[in-house]
Structure formats: C-alpha cells, structure tokens
C-alpha atoms as a PDB file:
ATOM      1  CA  MET A   1      -2.163  15.840  -5.384  1.00  0.00           C
ATOM      2  CA  LYS A   2      -1.671  12.767  -3.234  1.00  0.00           C
ATOM      3  CA  ARG A   3      -4.765  10.563  -2.974  1.00  0.00           C
ATOM      4  CA  ASN A   4      -5.923   9.304   0.384  1.00  0.00           C
ATOM      5  CA  SER A   5      -6.382   5.768  -1.018  1.00  0.00           C
ATOM      6  CA  ILE A   6      -4.514   3.690  -3.588  1.00  0.00           C
ATOM      7  CA  LYS A   7      -4.828   0.154  -4.930  1.00  0.00           C
ATOM      8  CA  ILE A   8      -1.654  -1.845  -4.366  1.00  0.00           C
ATOM      9  CA  TYR A   9      -2.721  -5.306  -5.605  1.00  0.00           C
ATOM     10  CA  ASP A  10      -5.265  -6.696  -8.050  1.00  0.00           C
ATOM     11  CA  GLY A  11      -5.043 -10.400  -8.762  1.00  0.00           C
ATOM     12  CA  PRO A  12      -5.874 -13.911  -7.553  1.00  0.00           C
ATOM     13  CA  SER A  13      -6.244 -14.784  -3.894  1.00  0.00           C
ATOM     14  CA  LEU A  14      -3.477 -17.114  -2.747  1.00  0.00           C
ATOM     15  CA  ILE A  15      -5.667 -18.773  -0.098  1.00  0.00           C
ATOM     16  CA  ASP A  16      -8.712 -19.406  -2.278  1.00  0.00           C
ATOM     17  CA  PRO A  17      -8.914 -22.765  -4.122  1.00  0.00           C
ATOM     18  CA  ASP A  18     -10.757 -20.952  -6.930  1.00  0.00           C
ATOM     19  CA  ALA A  19      -8.165 -18.117  -6.990  1.00  0.00           C
ATOM     20  CA  ARG A  20     -10.910 -15.505  -7.086  1.00  0.00           C
ATOM     21  CA  ARG A  21      -9.871 -11.965  -7.972  1.00  0.00           C
ATOM     22  CA  ILE A  22      -9.126  -9.771  -4.983  1.00  0.00           C
ATOM     23  CA  VAL A  23      -7.865  -6.240  -4.469  1.00  0.00           C
ATOM     24  CA  VAL A  24      -5.831  -4.559  -1.739  1.00  0.00           C
ATOM     25  CA  ILE A  25      -6.593  -0.934  -0.984  1.00  0.00           C
ATOM     26  CA  LEU A  26      -4.262   1.164   1.164  1.00  0.00           C
ATOM     27  CA  THR A  27      -5.891   4.138   2.907  1.00  0.00           C
ATOM     28  CA  GLY A  28      -4.907   7.038   5.136  1.00  0.00           C
ATOM     29  CA  LEU A  29      -2.256   8.681   2.990  1.00  0.00           C
ATOM     30  CA  LYS A  30      -3.760  12.138   3.538  1.00  0.00           C
ATOM     31  CA  SER A  31      -6.023  11.656   6.554  1.00  0.00           C
ATOM     32  CA  ALA A  32      -4.360  10.529   9.788  1.00  0.00           C
ATOM     33  CA  SER A  33      -6.028   7.689  11.663  1.00  0.00           C
ATOM     34  CA  THR A  34      -7.950   8.655  14.784  1.00  0.00           C
ATOM     35  CA  ASN A  35      -7.807   5.157  16.277  1.00  0.00           C
ATOM     36  CA  THR A  36      -6.450   5.701  19.802  1.00  0.00           C
ATOM     37  CA  LYS A  37      -5.190   2.109  20.139  1.00  0.00           C
ATOM     38  CA  THR A  38      -3.294   1.824  16.870  1.00  0.00           C
ATOM     39  CA  GLY A  39      -2.213   5.436  16.558  1.00  0.00           C
ATOM     40  CA  ASP A  40      -1.608   6.944  13.131  1.00  0.00           C
ATOM     41  CA  MET A  41      -1.237   3.922  10.872  1.00  0.00           C
ATOM     42  CA  LEU A  42      -2.043   3.432   7.229  1.00  0.00           C
ATOM     43  CA  GLN A  43      -4.727   0.790   6.702  1.00  0.00           C
ATOM     44  CA  THR A  44      -4.916  -2.018   4.141  1.00  0.00           C
ATOM     45  CA  TRP A  45      -8.177  -3.611   3.060  1.00  0.00           C
ATOM     46  CA  ILE A  46      -8.138  -7.023   1.365  1.00  0.00           C
ATOM     47  CA  MET A  47     -11.413  -7.586  -0.461  1.00  0.00           C
ATOM     48  CA  LEU A  48     -12.987  -9.429  -3.354  1.00  0.00           C
ATOM     49  CA  HIS A  49     -13.114  -7.413  -6.548  1.00  0.00           C
ATOM     50  CA  ALA A  50     -16.581  -8.489  -7.632  1.00  0.00           C
ATOM     51  CA  THR A  51     -18.475  -8.658  -4.325  1.00  0.00           C
ATOM     52  CA  PRO A  52     -18.938  -5.969  -1.673  1.00  0.00           C
ATOM     53  CA  PRO A  53     -17.331  -7.080   1.626  1.00  0.00           C
ATOM     54  CA  HIS A  54     -20.559  -7.034   3.643  1.00  0.00           C
ATOM     55  CA  THR A  55     -22.251  -9.213   1.023  1.00  0.00           C
ATOM     56  CA  ALA A  56     -19.284 -11.596   0.890  1.00  0.00           C
ATOM     57  CA  GLN A  57     -19.575 -12.146   4.647  1.00  0.00           C
ATOM     58  CA  LYS A  58     -23.196 -13.218   4.227  1.00  0.00           C
ATOM     59  CA  THR A  59     -22.595 -15.544   1.269  1.00  0.00           C
ATOM     60  CA  GLY A  60     -19.357 -17.083   2.534  1.00  0.00           C
ATOM     61  CA  GLU A  61     -17.330 -15.633  -0.346  1.00  0.00           C
ATOM     62  CA  ASP A  62     -15.222 -13.914   2.306  1.00  0.00           C
ATOM     63  CA  SER A  63     -13.286 -17.196   2.513  1.00  0.00           C
ATOM     64  CA  ALA A  64     -11.286 -15.870  -0.453  1.00  0.00           C
ATOM     65  CA  VAL A  65      -9.820 -13.109   1.714  1.00  0.00           C
ATOM     66  CA  CYS A  66     -10.227 -14.489   5.245  1.00  0.00           C
ATOM     67  CA  GLY A  67      -9.601 -18.205   4.752  1.00  0.00           C
ATOM     68  CA  ASP A  68     -10.723 -20.355   7.667  1.00  0.00           C
ATOM     69  CA  CYS A  69     -10.619 -17.576  10.277  1.00  0.00           C
ATOM     70  CA  ARG A  70     -12.967 -18.679  13.033  1.00  0.00           C
ATOM     71  CA  LEU A  71     -14.146 -15.070  13.504  1.00  0.00           C
ATOM     72  CA  ARG A  72     -15.820 -15.051  10.085  1.00  0.00           C
ATOM     73  CA  PRO A  73     -19.556 -14.623  10.742  1.00  0.00           C
ATOM     74  CA  LEU A  74     -20.466 -17.910   9.037  1.00  0.00           C
ATOM     75  CA  LEU A  75     -17.829 -19.844  11.011  1.00  0.00           C
ATOM     76  CA  HIS A  76     -18.146 -18.093  14.342  1.00  0.00           C
ATOM     77  CA  ASP A  77     -18.976 -20.346  17.282  1.00  0.00           C
ATOM     78  CA  LYS A  78     -20.756 -18.345  19.990  1.00  0.00           C
ATOM     79  CA  ASP A  79     -20.055 -21.111  22.512  1.00  0.00           C
ATOM     80  CA  ARG A  80     -16.358 -20.240  22.397  1.00  0.00           C
ATOM     81  CA  GLY A  81     -17.061 -17.015  24.249  1.00  0.00           C
ATOM     82  CA  THR A  82     -15.764 -14.721  21.502  1.00  0.00           C
ATOM     83  CA  LYS A  83     -17.446 -12.208  19.238  1.00  0.00           C
ATOM     84  CA  PRO A  84     -17.342 -12.462  15.440  1.00  0.00           C
ATOM     85  CA  CYS A  85     -15.164 -10.228  13.272  1.00  0.00           C
ATOM     86  CA  TYR A  86     -15.033  -6.689  14.635  1.00  0.00           C
ATOM     87  CA  VAL A  87     -14.795  -5.042  11.195  1.00  0.00           C
ATOM     88  CA  VAL A  88     -18.089  -3.352  10.293  1.00  0.00           C
ATOM     89  CA  THR A  89     -17.901  -4.244   6.626  1.00  0.00           C
ATOM     90  CA  PHE A  90     -20.931  -2.288   5.442  1.00  0.00           C
ATOM     91  CA  GLN A  91     -19.311   0.986   6.504  1.00  0.00           C
ATOM     92  CA  ALA A  92     -15.644   1.895   5.854  1.00  0.00           C
ATOM     93  CA  ALA A  93     -14.803  -1.370   4.075  1.00  0.00           C
ATOM     94  CA  ARG A  94     -17.736  -1.060   1.682  1.00  0.00           C
ATOM     95  CA  SER A  95     -17.090   2.595   0.820  1.00  0.00           C
ATOM     96  CA  THR A  96     -13.377   1.879   0.331  1.00  0.00           C
ATOM     97  CA  TRP A  97     -14.221  -1.046  -1.950  1.00  0.00           C
ATOM     98  CA  ALA A  98     -16.719   0.967  -4.026  1.00  0.00           C
ATOM     99  CA  ALA A  99     -14.375   3.904  -4.529  1.00  0.00           C
ATOM    100  CA  ASN A 100     -11.203   1.974  -5.342  1.00  0.00           C
ATOM    101  CA  ARG A 101     -11.842  -1.531  -6.678  1.00  0.00           C
ATOM    102  CA  ASP A 102     -11.458  -0.422 -10.306  1.00  0.00           C
ATOM    103  CA  ALA A 103      -8.667   2.085  -9.722  1.00  0.00           C
ATOM    104  CA  PRO A 104      -5.307   1.451 -11.412  1.00  0.00           C
ATOM    105  CA  VAL A 105      -2.719  -0.450  -9.410  1.00  0.00           C
ATOM    106  CA  THR A 106      -0.039   1.855  -8.036  1.00  0.00           C
ATOM    107  CA  PRO A 107       3.463   0.603  -8.944  1.00  0.00           C
ATOM    108  CA  LEU A 108       5.253  -0.763  -5.907  1.00  0.00           C
ATOM    109  CA  HIS A 109       8.164   1.652  -6.174  1.00  0.00           C
ATOM    110  CA  GLU A 110       5.618   4.447  -5.797  1.00  0.00           C
ATOM    111  CA  VAL A 111       3.994   2.620  -2.876  1.00  0.00           C
ATOM    112  CA  ARG A 112       7.359   2.500  -1.101  1.00  0.00           C
ATOM    113  CA  ALA A 113       7.795   6.242  -1.553  1.00  0.00           C
ATOM    114  CA  LEU A 114       4.261   7.038  -0.406  1.00  0.00           C
ATOM    115  CA  VAL A 115       4.453   4.969   2.788  1.00  0.00           C
ATOM    116  CA  ALA A 116       8.016   5.953   3.697  1.00  0.00           C
ATOM    117  CA  ARG A 117       8.397   6.548   7.442  1.00  0.00           C
ATOM    118  CA  ARG A 118       4.739   5.636   8.017  1.00  0.00           C
ATOM    119  CA  LYS A 119       3.511   2.517   9.815  1.00  0.00           C
ATOM    120  CA  VAL A 120       1.123   0.178   7.997  1.00  0.00           C
ATOM    121  CA  ARG A 121      -1.597  -1.987   9.471  1.00  0.00           C
ATOM    122  CA  VAL A 122      -1.497  -5.012   7.182  1.00  0.00           C
ATOM    123  CA  GLY A 123      -4.926  -6.591   6.894  1.00  0.00           C
ATOM    124  CA  SER A 124      -7.192  -4.035   8.543  1.00  0.00           C
ATOM    125  CA  TYR A 125      -9.674  -6.384   6.913  1.00  0.00           C
ATOM    126  CA  GLY A 126      -8.705  -9.691   5.326  1.00  0.00           C
ATOM    127  CA  ASP A 127      -5.784 -12.050   5.847  1.00  0.00           C
ATOM    128  CA  PRO A 128      -2.368 -10.995   4.500  1.00  0.00           C
ATOM    129  CA  MET A 129      -1.630 -14.535   3.357  1.00  0.00           C
ATOM    130  CA  ALA A 130      -4.147 -14.033   0.547  1.00  0.00           C
ATOM    131  CA  VAL A 131      -1.684 -11.600  -1.028  1.00  0.00           C
ATOM    132  CA  PRO A 132       1.800 -12.184  -2.501  1.00  0.00           C
ATOM    133  CA  ASP A 133       4.714 -11.391  -0.190  1.00  0.00           C
ATOM    134  CA  TYR A 134       6.204  -8.807  -2.545  1.00  0.00           C
ATOM    135  CA  VAL A 135       3.215  -6.531  -1.941  1.00  0.00           C
ATOM    136  CA  TRP A 136       3.775  -6.432   1.818  1.00  0.00           C
ATOM    137  CA  GLN A 137       7.508  -5.990   1.369  1.00  0.00           C
ATOM    138  CA  ALA A 138       6.705  -2.661  -0.278  1.00  0.00           C
ATOM    139  CA  THR A 139       4.784  -1.439   2.767  1.00  0.00           C
ATOM    140  CA  GLY A 140       7.794  -1.287   5.086  1.00  0.00           C
ATOM    141  CA  SER A 141       7.207  -1.018   8.855  1.00  0.00           C
ATOM    142  CA  HIS A 142       3.967  -2.740   9.767  1.00  0.00           C
ATOM    143  CA  THR A 143       1.810  -4.864  12.024  1.00  0.00           C
ATOM    144  CA  ALA A 144       0.337  -8.066  10.563  1.00  0.00           C
ATOM    145  CA  TYR A 145      -1.623 -11.121  11.728  1.00  0.00           C
ATOM    146  CA  THR A 146      -2.673 -14.347  10.008  1.00  0.00           C
ATOM    147  CA  HIS A 147      -5.137 -17.080  10.863  1.00  0.00           C
ATOM    148  CA  GLN A 148      -3.655 -19.184   8.050  1.00  0.00           C
ATOM    149  CA  TRP A 149      -0.516 -20.159   9.982  1.00  0.00           C
ATOM    150  CA  LYS A 150      -1.488 -23.850   9.779  1.00  0.00           C
ATOM    151  CA  SER A 151      -0.960 -23.779   6.004  1.00  0.00           C
ATOM    152  CA  PRO A 152       1.459 -26.527   4.911  1.00  0.00           C
ATOM    153  CA  TYR A 153       2.224 -24.668   1.688  1.00  0.00           C
ATOM    154  CA  ARG A 154       3.350 -21.238   2.824  1.00  0.00           C
ATOM    155  CA  LEU A 155       4.877 -19.583   5.852  1.00  0.00           C
ATOM    156  CA  MET A 156       4.744 -15.875   6.675  1.00  0.00           C
ATOM    157  CA  ARG A 157       6.422 -16.013  10.059  1.00  0.00           C
ATOM    158  CA  SER A 158       8.958 -13.283   9.222  1.00  0.00           C
ATOM    159  CA  THR A 159       6.226 -10.716   8.587  1.00  0.00           C
ATOM    160  CA  THR A 160       3.098 -11.812  10.469  1.00  0.00           C
ATOM    161  CA  MET A 161       1.999 -12.882  13.919  1.00  0.00           C
ATOM    162  CA  ALA A 162       0.068 -16.149  14.142  1.00  0.00           C
ATOM    163  CA  SER A 163      -3.427 -15.349  15.428  1.00  0.00           C
ATOM    164  CA  VAL A 164      -4.271 -18.076  17.942  1.00  0.00           C
ATOM    165  CA  HIS A 165      -7.183 -18.700  20.287  1.00  0.00           C
ATOM    166  CA  SER A 166      -5.898 -21.219  22.805  1.00  0.00           C
ATOM    167  CA  PRO A 167      -2.725 -22.375  24.553  1.00  0.00           C
ATOM    168  CA  ALA A 168      -2.682 -25.456  22.318  1.00  0.00           C
ATOM    169  CA  GLU A 169      -2.836 -23.351  19.164  1.00  0.00           C
ATOM    170  CA  ARG A 170      -0.093 -21.109  20.489  1.00  0.00           C
ATOM    171  CA  THR A 171       2.154 -24.116  21.088  1.00  0.00           C
ATOM    172  CA  SER A 172       1.487 -25.416  17.585  1.00  0.00           C
ATOM    173  CA  ALA A 173       2.185 -22.058  15.947  1.00  0.00           C
ATOM    174  CA  ARG A 174       5.425 -21.588  17.891  1.00  0.00           C
ATOM    175  CA  GLN A 175       6.552 -25.032  16.752  1.00  0.00           C
ATOM    176  CA  LYS A 176       6.187 -23.719  13.197  1.00  0.00           C
ATOM    177  CA  GLY A 177       8.459 -20.808  14.072  1.00  0.00           C
ATOM    178  CA  TYR A 178       5.844 -18.101  14.515  1.00  0.00           C
ATOM    179  CA  ARG A 179       5.537 -15.496  17.212  1.00  0.00           C
ATOM    180  CA  THR A 180       1.925 -15.425  18.336  1.00  0.00           C
ATOM    181  CA  PHE A 181      -0.929 -13.048  19.037  1.00  0.00           C
ATOM    182  CA  ARG A 182      -3.328 -14.892  21.341  1.00  0.00           C
ATOM    183  CA  ILE A 183      -6.924 -13.821  21.810  1.00  0.00           C
ATOM    184  CA  ILE A 184      -8.169 -14.424  25.358  1.00  0.00           C
ATOM    185  CA  THR A 185     -11.918 -14.412  25.906  1.00  0.00           C
ATOM    186  CA  ASN A 186     -13.208 -11.856  28.362  1.00  0.00           C
ATOM    187  CA  THR A 187     -14.851 -14.699  30.289  1.00  0.00           C
ATOM    188  CA  ALA A 188     -11.583 -16.594  30.677  1.00  0.00           C
ATOM    189  CA  TRP A 189      -9.698 -13.442  31.655  1.00  0.00           C
ATOM    190  CA  ASN A 190     -12.185 -12.641  34.414  1.00  0.00           C
ATOM    191  CA  ALA A 191     -12.321 -16.247  35.611  1.00  0.00           C
ATOM    192  CA  TRP A 192      -8.550 -16.286  36.087  1.00  0.00           C
ATOM    193  CA  GLY A 193      -8.466 -12.851  37.649  1.00  0.00           C
ATOM    194  CA  GLY A 194      -6.357 -11.548  34.780  1.00  0.00           C
ATOM    195  CA  ALA A 195      -3.491 -13.965  35.466  1.00  0.00           C
ATOM    196  CA  ASN A 196      -3.682 -16.497  32.628  1.00  0.00           C
ATOM    197  CA  LEU A 197      -0.730 -15.376  30.533  1.00  0.00           C
ATOM    198  CA  MET A 198       1.632 -18.060  29.264  1.00  0.00           C
ATOM    199  CA  ASP A 199       5.416 -18.188  29.391  1.00  0.00           C
ATOM    200  CA  ASN A 200       7.164 -15.576  27.227  1.00  0.00           C
ATOM    201  CA  GLU A 201       3.855 -13.777  26.663  1.00  0.00           C
ATOM    202  CA  ILE A 202       2.743 -10.261  27.604  1.00  0.00           C
ATOM    203  CA  LEU A 203      -0.453  -8.303  27.315  1.00  0.00           C
ATOM    204  CA  CYS A 204      -0.712  -6.037  24.302  1.00  0.00           C
ATOM    205  CA  PRO A 205       0.886  -2.825  25.630  1.00  0.00           C
ATOM    206  CA  ALA A 206      -1.729  -0.757  23.774  1.00  0.00           C
ATOM    207  CA  SER A 207      -4.673  -2.593  25.351  1.00  0.00           C
ATOM    208  CA  LYS A 208      -6.930  -1.340  28.119  1.00  0.00           C
ATOM    209  CA  GLU A 209      -5.893  -4.231  30.373  1.00  0.00           C
ATOM    210  CA  ALA A 210      -2.223  -3.215  30.071  1.00  0.00           C
ATOM    211  CA  GLY A 211      -3.032   0.399  30.821  1.00  0.00           C
ATOM    212  CA  LYS A 212      -2.750   1.715  27.244  1.00  0.00           C
ATOM    213  CA  LEU A 213       0.990   2.185  27.677  1.00  0.00           C
ATOM    214  CA  THR A 214       1.601   2.941  24.007  1.00  0.00           C
ATOM    215  CA  THR A 215       0.039   2.635  20.549  1.00  0.00           C
ATOM    216  CA  CYS A 216       0.560   0.000  17.886  1.00  0.00           C
ATOM    217  CA  ALA A 217       2.342   2.583  15.734  1.00  0.00           C
ATOM    218  CA  ARG A 218       4.970   3.124  18.423  1.00  0.00           C
ATOM    219  CA  CYS A 219       5.170  -0.423  19.833  1.00  0.00           C
ATOM    220  CA  GLU A 220       6.168  -2.458  16.734  1.00  0.00           C
ATOM    221  CA  LEU A 221       6.028  -5.813  18.521  1.00  0.00           C
ATOM    222  CA  CYS A 222       3.494  -7.328  16.109  1.00  0.00           C
ATOM    223  CA  ASN A 223       5.686  -7.576  13.004  1.00  0.00           C
ATOM    224  CA  GLY A 224       6.505 -11.274  12.929  1.00  0.00           C
ATOM    225  CA  LYS A 225       9.718 -13.067  13.843  1.00  0.00           C
ATOM    226  CA  LEU A 226      12.794 -11.207  12.660  1.00  0.00           C
ATOM    227  CA  GLY A 227      15.186 -14.151  12.436  1.00  0.00           C
ATOM    228  CA  ILE A 228      15.988 -17.134  14.640  1.00  0.00           C
ATOM    229  CA  ASN A 229      17.465 -14.924  17.350  1.00  0.00           C
ATOM    230  CA  ASP A 230      14.322 -12.853  17.752  1.00  0.00           C
ATOM    231  CA  ASN A 231      13.362 -13.544  21.370  1.00  0.00           C
ATOM    232  CA  ARG A 232      10.761 -10.823  21.780  1.00  0.00           C
ATOM    233  CA  LYS A 233       7.682 -11.688  23.799  1.00  0.00           C
ATOM    234  CA  ASP A 234       4.519 -13.024  22.231  1.00  0.00           C
ATOM    235  CA  ILE A 235       1.399 -10.905  22.601  1.00  0.00           C
ATOM    236  CA  ALA A 236      -1.976 -11.640  24.174  1.00  0.00           C
ATOM    237  CA  ILE A 237      -5.088  -9.479  24.130  1.00  0.00           C
ATOM    238  CA  VAL A 238      -8.454  -9.726  25.842  1.00  0.00           C
ATOM    239  CA  ALA A 239     -11.393  -9.813  23.434  1.00  0.00           C
ATOM    240  CA  HIS A 240     -14.280  -7.476  24.148  1.00  0.00           C
END
C-alpha cells in the first residue's frame, strides 16, 4: 500500500559549511492537501537528521537547511516590518521528522512514478538549494523558492524563484538571471495604497490581495526561469 510520506534524500547539506546530515521528506501521497491557497500539492520538508526542526530553530542549527534566510527566527529583524518564518515547526514538521528521518530512501525512479501528474511544493520547510539538483528533477512539476540566490557557487534559476524582500534585491536577483518572488510588508502595501508593484511584476494570483483567482497547483508561475526566452511576470505577495 502506498505510504503517505517517503524519504527522498539523506545526505549532506549543500549550503552548510559543516555539511551536516539532512533529510528530505515528501508528504501527501495519500492525503490531499487542504491548503486553499496552494491547492492539492505534495509537500517536501528539508530538515536536519539529528535535530528536531523546532529545536534547530532555537539553537541556530536551522542554518543547515535554511541558510541565511532573514525569516529564520534567530535572524529575523522585527524592524523590517515582517514576521518570522510562518512554518510552525513543532507541529507538522516535527511529526514528519520523527516518523520518517530513519526511513529508507526511496529510489528516484520510484519517486518519479509516485509523483506523476501531481504538483510538488519544493521546500515547504527548508531551502531547496540545500539539496542536490537531481532530487528536485525527480519531483517534476513544482513550485520552489530560494533565499540563497546570492550564492556565487551555485545557481538554481531554472527551477526556483529568488525570494527577495526589496526592490534592490529584486534587481540584483534579476541580474543573476532569476525570476523573483518579492515579499511586500503589509505596512508598505497599505502605505502605498496597494500600488507599489514594480515593472514586469504581478501579485500572486492565489493571494487574497489578487482576489484568490487560482491556486498554486493550477497557476505554475513559481517554477523558475525556463530558458532565456521565458518572459513570464515576476511575482509579489503581501506578507501577513
């Protein structure tokens, strides 16, 4: 019988100087997601093998899976007008970690068959750049975001959106060839009367501000830059 969760990677983190052991757990194979924004998408959780995710956030070990993301609780700057990471790590992430961290790794050809015709949310928790590209290539149609787009050693612009927090960051990421996903603070959005989008940028069509026109599973705009002729709009979303 098909399991609801499988482990698809177990090895060193590619964004951690100490190359600590991490695991990637894919969930939702049997139970459809009830998230009204994303729609029915499989989820992937990138976590340390040895440390529960909620503990790692407190100790700073989450750097092995989240890098220098400014939404990490220990790096979060309240003066920026944003909230820290929205993932409640002591709930679903912790139970997923406990149940699957020592499971066998599912061969990637089996992963491809299991996720066929399903959409995958890459990095429901954790940054996809911590994981080798070949793992994500097995997941097929997906959404993906990285805060590690400044890395001089590796680019993931063909599979991920660059998560940015300012017009200046967006400009820098686009110069590296990325499409961007820009987080706008609720304060800034209200101050500008909802009119502070940049050129070639649209509101996330699945967001409340855009009228919830679709779901992430149907939209498919957040899957990186598909070649030099990919002129699709960049995405912006208002943080809440």
